[in-house]
Amino acid sequence: DLLRPREDLPLLVAQVELPEALRERVQEMVEQKHRQIGADWSHELLTPLNGVFGGLQLIEAEADTIAPDQLKEVLALIRAGAERQERLSRKLIRFFELERRKIAPHPNGTYRCEADAAVATAAERAAQCAGRQADLVVLCEAAIVPVSESYLTDAVGELIENAFHFSAPGQPVVVSGRRVDGTYRIEVTDEGAGMAAEERAGVAAFTQFGRETRDQQGLGLGLAIARSTAGNAGGKLILEPGPNGRGIKAVIELPSG
């Protein structure tokens, strides 16, 4: 199954009142693109373009006959694919920026930011995107940490996004920040599917677990981005079981003066 349900071209086309022959042509276009895709991560990178190119080909083929309401649905499909492609591209850019800084640290020296402000921004964005504002709990102490605000916001946002994705609506996602023995400990805790011990130990870029049983998209970069952000600032990422063995607790520990 190379297409995820919410951005599946055949599924959306099936919802539009199109002639059967036209629907079959669109399906064949998607299957042809599938046959051109090899590795899992390259599949994830290219899949959003299926909707973009498929939708454009559909408009080109039926430009003179497609109804306005059908056109709006196809354009929504194209937009969804383009937005997903943009998210993937931004994550790739950030990941390789972080990897480059492991080798050549920024010449301007150490960044500093207010950790509680960065965490609050990340939490608000992720909750709004997921439509889970009612499930979010944020409790953060003020502290200054040696990382740029944009990098920390993105890293914490990746953890919160994962927490929302792998927990059901109505289950709380708790985000906390507190000073502990010269460090600032940011915790993102959910009560969702969790990760086995071998999965927590095997976190790496372009690696995902449980794709057979979990609805997953993306390149598996979220945890890698969080880990590299923490490591570049002299900290670390820790993955622990959630409360009572349910869900997961993702922790970023950073130096704090």
Protein backbone atom coordinates (compact mmCIF):
# COMPACT_ATOMS: atom_id res chain seq x y z
CA ASP A 1 0.00 0.00 0.00
CA LEU A 2 2.04 2.90 -1.29
CA LEU A 3 -0.48 5.67 -0.75
CA ARG A 4 -1.76 6.91 2.58
CA PRO A 5 -5.57 7.11 2.81
CA ARG A 6 -5.98 10.86 3.34
CA GLU A 7 -3.90 11.78 0.32
CA ASP A 8 -4.68 8.81 -1.89
CA LEU A 9 -5.34 9.88 -5.47
CA PRO A 10 -7.63 6.95 -6.38
CA LEU A 11 -9.69 7.49 -3.21
CA LEU A 12 -10.26 11.16 -3.92
CA VAL A 13 -10.95 10.56 -7.59
CA ALA A 14 -13.47 7.90 -6.63
CA GLN A 15 -15.33 10.55 -4.63
CA VAL A 16 -15.68 12.71 -7.73
CA GLU A 17 -18.43 11.80 -10.21
CA LEU A 18 -16.20 10.84 -13.15
CA PRO A 19 -16.71 8.41 -16.01
CA GLU A 20 -15.34 4.94 -15.26
CA ALA A 21 -12.91 5.03 -18.18
CA LEU A 22 -11.41 8.29 -16.94
CA ARG A 23 -11.10 6.96 -13.40
CA GLU A 24 -9.28 3.90 -14.72
CA ARG A 25 -6.81 6.10 -16.61
CA VAL A 26 -6.02 8.08 -13.47
CA GLN A 27 -5.54 4.85 -11.50
CA GLU A 28 -3.13 3.58 -14.15
CA MET A 29 -1.13 6.82 -13.96
CA VAL A 30 -0.73 6.39 -10.20
CA GLU A 31 0.23 2.71 -10.50
CA GLN A 32 2.81 3.58 -13.14
CA LYS A 33 4.42 6.07 -10.77
CA HIS A 34 4.41 3.43 -8.04
CA ARG A 35 6.38 1.09 -10.25
CA GLN A 36 9.04 3.78 -10.69
CA ILE A 37 9.59 4.11 -6.92
CA GLY A 38 12.18 2.00 -5.14
CA ALA A 39 13.39 2.55 -1.57
CA ASP A 40 10.91 3.35 1.20
CA TRP A 41 12.27 6.82 1.85
CA SER A 42 12.30 7.74 -1.82
CA HIS A 43 8.70 6.54 -1.99
CA GLU A 44 7.74 8.90 0.81
CA LEU A 45 9.55 11.79 -0.86
CA LEU A 46 7.88 11.23 -4.22
CA THR A 47 4.39 10.10 -3.17
CA PRO A 48 2.99 13.64 -2.68
CA LEU A 49 3.81 14.34 -6.32
CA ASN A 50 1.43 11.55 -7.37
CA GLY A 51 -1.50 13.73 -6.36
CA VAL A 52 0.02 16.83 -7.94
CA PHE A 53 0.84 15.29 -11.31
CA GLY A 54 -2.20 13.03 -11.33
CA GLY A 55 -4.48 15.98 -10.69
CA LEU A 56 -2.79 18.07 -13.36
CA GLN A 57 -3.04 15.26 -15.89
CA LEU A 58 -6.72 14.87 -15.04
CA ILE A 59 -7.34 18.58 -15.66
CA GLU A 60 -5.39 18.45 -18.92
CA ALA A 61 -7.35 15.42 -20.12
CA GLU A 62 -10.77 16.82 -19.19
CA ALA A 63 -10.23 20.58 -19.36
CA ASP A 64 -13.22 21.07 -21.66
CA THR A 65 -15.69 18.85 -19.81
CA ILE A 66 -14.84 18.76 -16.11
CA ALA A 67 -17.50 20.43 -13.96
CA PRO A 68 -16.60 23.32 -11.63
CA ASP A 69 -17.29 21.32 -8.46
CA GLN A 70 -15.15 18.47 -9.75
CA LEU A 71 -12.39 20.94 -10.62
CA LYS A 72 -12.38 22.28 -7.07
CA GLU A 73 -11.95 18.76 -5.68
CA VAL A 74 -9.07 18.00 -8.02
CA LEU A 75 -7.41 21.33 -7.17
CA ALA A 76 -7.76 20.46 -3.47
CA LEU A 77 -5.95 17.20 -4.22
CA ILE A 78 -3.13 19.11 -5.94
CA ARG A 79 -2.83 21.54 -3.02
CA ALA A 80 -2.71 18.68 -0.49
CA GLY A 81 0.12 17.03 -2.40
CA ALA A 82 2.05 20.29 -2.75
CA GLU A 83 1.69 21.13 0.96
CA ARG A 84 2.84 17.67 1.98
CA GLN A 85 5.82 17.96 -0.35
CA GLU A 86 6.72 21.31 1.20
CA ARG A 87 6.62 19.83 4.73
CA LEU A 88 8.88 16.97 3.70
CA SER A 89 11.30 19.34 1.96
CA ARG A 90 11.55 21.61 5.00
CA LYS A 91 12.29 18.63 7.24
CA LEU A 92 15.00 17.41 4.89
CA ILE A 93 16.59 20.86 4.80
CA ARG A 94 16.55 21.13 8.59
CA PHE A 95 17.96 17.62 9.06
CA PHE A 96 20.92 18.23 6.75
CA GLU A 97 21.53 21.66 8.30
CA LEU A 98 21.83 19.97 11.69
CA GLU A 99 24.08 17.23 10.34
CA ARG A 100 26.35 19.83 8.74
CA ARG A 101 26.67 21.69 12.03
CA LYS A 102 27.99 18.55 13.70
CA ILE A 103 31.02 18.89 11.43
CA ALA A 104 31.25 22.70 11.17
CA PRO A 105 29.64 24.52 14.11
CA HIS A 106 28.12 27.92 13.39
CA PRO A 107 30.88 30.57 13.26
CA ASN A 108 28.87 33.02 15.36
CA GLY A 109 29.19 30.74 18.38
CA THR A 110 26.47 29.54 20.68
CA TYR A 111 22.89 30.65 20.25
CA ARG A 112 20.65 31.30 23.24
CA CYS A 113 16.89 31.42 23.63
CA GLU A 114 14.10 31.39 26.18
CA ALA A 115 13.19 27.73 26.29
CA ASP A 116 9.69 28.21 27.72
CA ALA A 117 8.73 30.58 24.88
CA ALA A 118 10.02 28.17 22.21
CA VAL A 119 8.16 25.25 23.79
CA ALA A 120 4.93 27.24 24.04
CA THR A 121 5.14 28.24 20.37
CA ALA A 122 5.80 24.65 19.29
CA ALA A 123 2.92 23.31 21.37
CA GLU A 124 0.44 25.86 20.05
CA ARG A 125 1.35 25.20 16.42
CA ALA A 126 1.25 21.41 16.72
CA ALA A 127 -2.06 21.38 18.60
CA GLN A 128 -3.68 23.71 16.10
CA CYS A 129 -2.45 21.66 13.15
CA ALA A 130 -3.79 18.46 14.71
CA GLY A 131 -7.03 20.04 15.90
CA ARG A 132 -6.17 18.83 19.41
CA GLN A 133 -6.05 22.07 21.42
CA ALA A 134 -8.34 20.58 24.05
CA ASP A 135 -5.93 17.67 24.64
CA LEU A 136 -2.83 19.82 25.17
CA VAL A 137 -1.35 20.55 28.60
CA VAL A 138 1.72 22.83 28.82
CA LEU A 139 3.63 23.45 32.06
CA CYS A 140 7.01 25.15 31.57
CA GLU A 141 9.45 26.93 33.83
CA ALA A 142 11.47 29.80 32.40
CA ALA A 143 15.07 29.08 31.41
CA ILE A 144 17.76 30.11 28.92
CA VAL A 145 19.26 27.32 26.81
CA PRO A 146 22.10 27.31 24.22
CA VAL A 147 20.10 26.75 21.03
CA SER A 148 18.32 29.07 18.58
CA GLU A 149 14.62 29.58 19.11
CA SER A 150 13.66 28.39 15.63
CA TYR A 151 15.66 25.17 15.98
CA LEU A 152 14.26 24.40 19.42
CA THR A 153 10.71 25.22 18.31
CA ASP A 154 11.02 22.84 15.37
CA ALA A 155 12.59 20.06 17.45
CA VAL A 156 9.95 20.20 20.19
CA GLY A 157 7.26 20.55 17.53
CA GLU A 158 8.37 17.25 15.98
CA LEU A 159 7.94 15.49 19.32
CA ILE A 160 4.50 17.00 19.93
CA GLU A 161 3.40 16.22 16.38
CA ASN A 162 4.35 12.57 16.94
CA ALA A 163 2.51 12.51 20.26
CA PHE A 164 -0.70 13.75 18.65
CA HIS A 165 -0.34 11.43 15.66
CA PHE A 166 0.10 8.28 17.75
CA SER A 167 -2.52 9.06 20.40
CA ALA A 168 -6.28 9.20 20.00
CA PRO A 169 -8.34 12.39 20.27
CA GLY A 170 -9.33 12.87 23.88
CA GLN A 171 -6.07 11.45 25.21
CA PRO A 172 -3.90 14.16 26.81
CA VAL A 173 -0.52 15.23 25.49
CA VAL A 174 1.48 16.82 28.31
CA VAL A 175 4.40 19.13 27.52
CA SER A 176 6.56 20.25 30.42
CA GLY A 177 9.83 22.09 30.91
CA ARG A 178 11.77 22.26 34.17
CA ARG A 179 15.27 22.87 35.48
CA VAL A 180 17.00 19.78 36.86
CA ASP A 181 20.60 19.83 38.17
CA GLY A 182 22.00 22.32 35.67
CA THR A 183 19.91 21.08 32.75
CA TYR A 184 16.58 22.04 31.25
CA ARG A 185 14.39 18.98 30.72
CA ILE A 186 11.62 19.23 28.13
CA GLU A 187 9.20 16.30 28.29
CA VAL A 188 6.47 15.41 25.79
CA THR A 189 4.26 12.62 27.12
CA ASP A 190 1.35 10.85 25.45
CA GLU A 191 -0.81 7.80 26.13
CA GLY A 192 -0.79 6.42 22.60
CA ALA A 193 0.75 3.44 20.82
CA GLY A 194 4.22 3.82 22.34
CA MET A 195 7.44 2.22 21.10
CA ALA A 196 9.10 -1.06 21.98
CA ALA A 197 12.54 -0.94 23.61
CA GLU A 198 14.28 -2.00 20.38
CA GLU A 199 12.42 0.73 18.48
CA ARG A 200 13.50 3.41 20.96
CA ALA A 201 17.09 2.20 20.67
CA GLY A 202 16.99 2.10 16.87
CA VAL A 203 15.85 5.65 16.13
CA ALA A 204 17.58 6.98 13.01
CA ALA A 205 16.82 9.20 10.04
CA PHE A 206 14.83 7.54 7.23
CA THR A 207 13.76 4.78 9.64
CA GLN A 208 10.20 4.09 10.73
CA PHE A 209 8.75 1.27 12.81
CA GLY A 210 5.48 -0.61 12.65
CA ARG A 211 4.40 0.65 9.24
CA GLU A 212 2.37 -2.54 8.84
CA THR A 213 0.12 -1.68 11.78
CA ARG A 214 0.36 2.14 12.08
CA ASP A 215 -0.78 4.89 9.74
CA GLN A 216 2.50 6.66 9.04
CA GLN A 217 3.69 9.23 6.54
CA GLY A 218 6.94 11.06 6.13
CA LEU A 219 10.61 10.15 6.17
CA GLY A 220 11.10 9.26 9.81
CA LEU A 221 13.02 12.50 10.38
CA GLY A 222 11.15 13.91 13.39
CA LEU A 223 13.05 12.13 16.15
CA ALA A 224 16.33 12.47 14.25
CA ILE A 225 15.83 16.25 14.05
CA ALA A 226 15.06 16.43 17.77
CA ARG A 227 18.10 14.32 18.63
CA SER A 228 20.48 16.34 16.43
CA THR A 229 19.15 19.65 17.77
CA ALA A 230 19.76 18.53 21.33
CA GLY A 231 23.17 17.01 20.53
CA ASN A 232 24.43 20.11 18.72
CA ALA A 233 23.60 22.15 21.86
CA GLY A 234 25.43 19.75 24.17
CA GLY A 235 22.30 17.92 25.24
CA LYS A 236 20.53 14.69 24.34
CA LEU A 237 17.24 13.08 23.37
CA ILE A 238 15.83 10.37 25.64
CA LEU A 239 12.89 8.10 24.83
CA GLU A 240 11.12 6.42 27.75
CA PRO A 241 7.87 4.51 28.22
CA GLY A 242 4.94 6.73 29.16
CA PRO A 243 3.09 6.66 32.48
CA ASN A 244 1.88 3.20 33.51
CA GLY A 245 3.60 1.73 30.46
CA ARG A 246 1.28 3.51 28.03
CA GLY A 247 2.49 5.77 25.24
CA ILE A 248 5.90 7.35 25.26
CA LYS A 249 7.79 10.12 27.02
CA ALA A 250 10.17 11.96 24.69
CA VAL A 251 12.70 14.08 26.55
CA ILE A 252 15.11 16.75 25.34
CA GLU A 253 17.77 17.58 27.93
CA LEU A 254 19.75 20.79 27.36
CA PRO A 255 22.42 22.59 29.35
CA SER A 256 20.99 25.51 31.31
CA GLY A 257 22.81 28.16 33.29
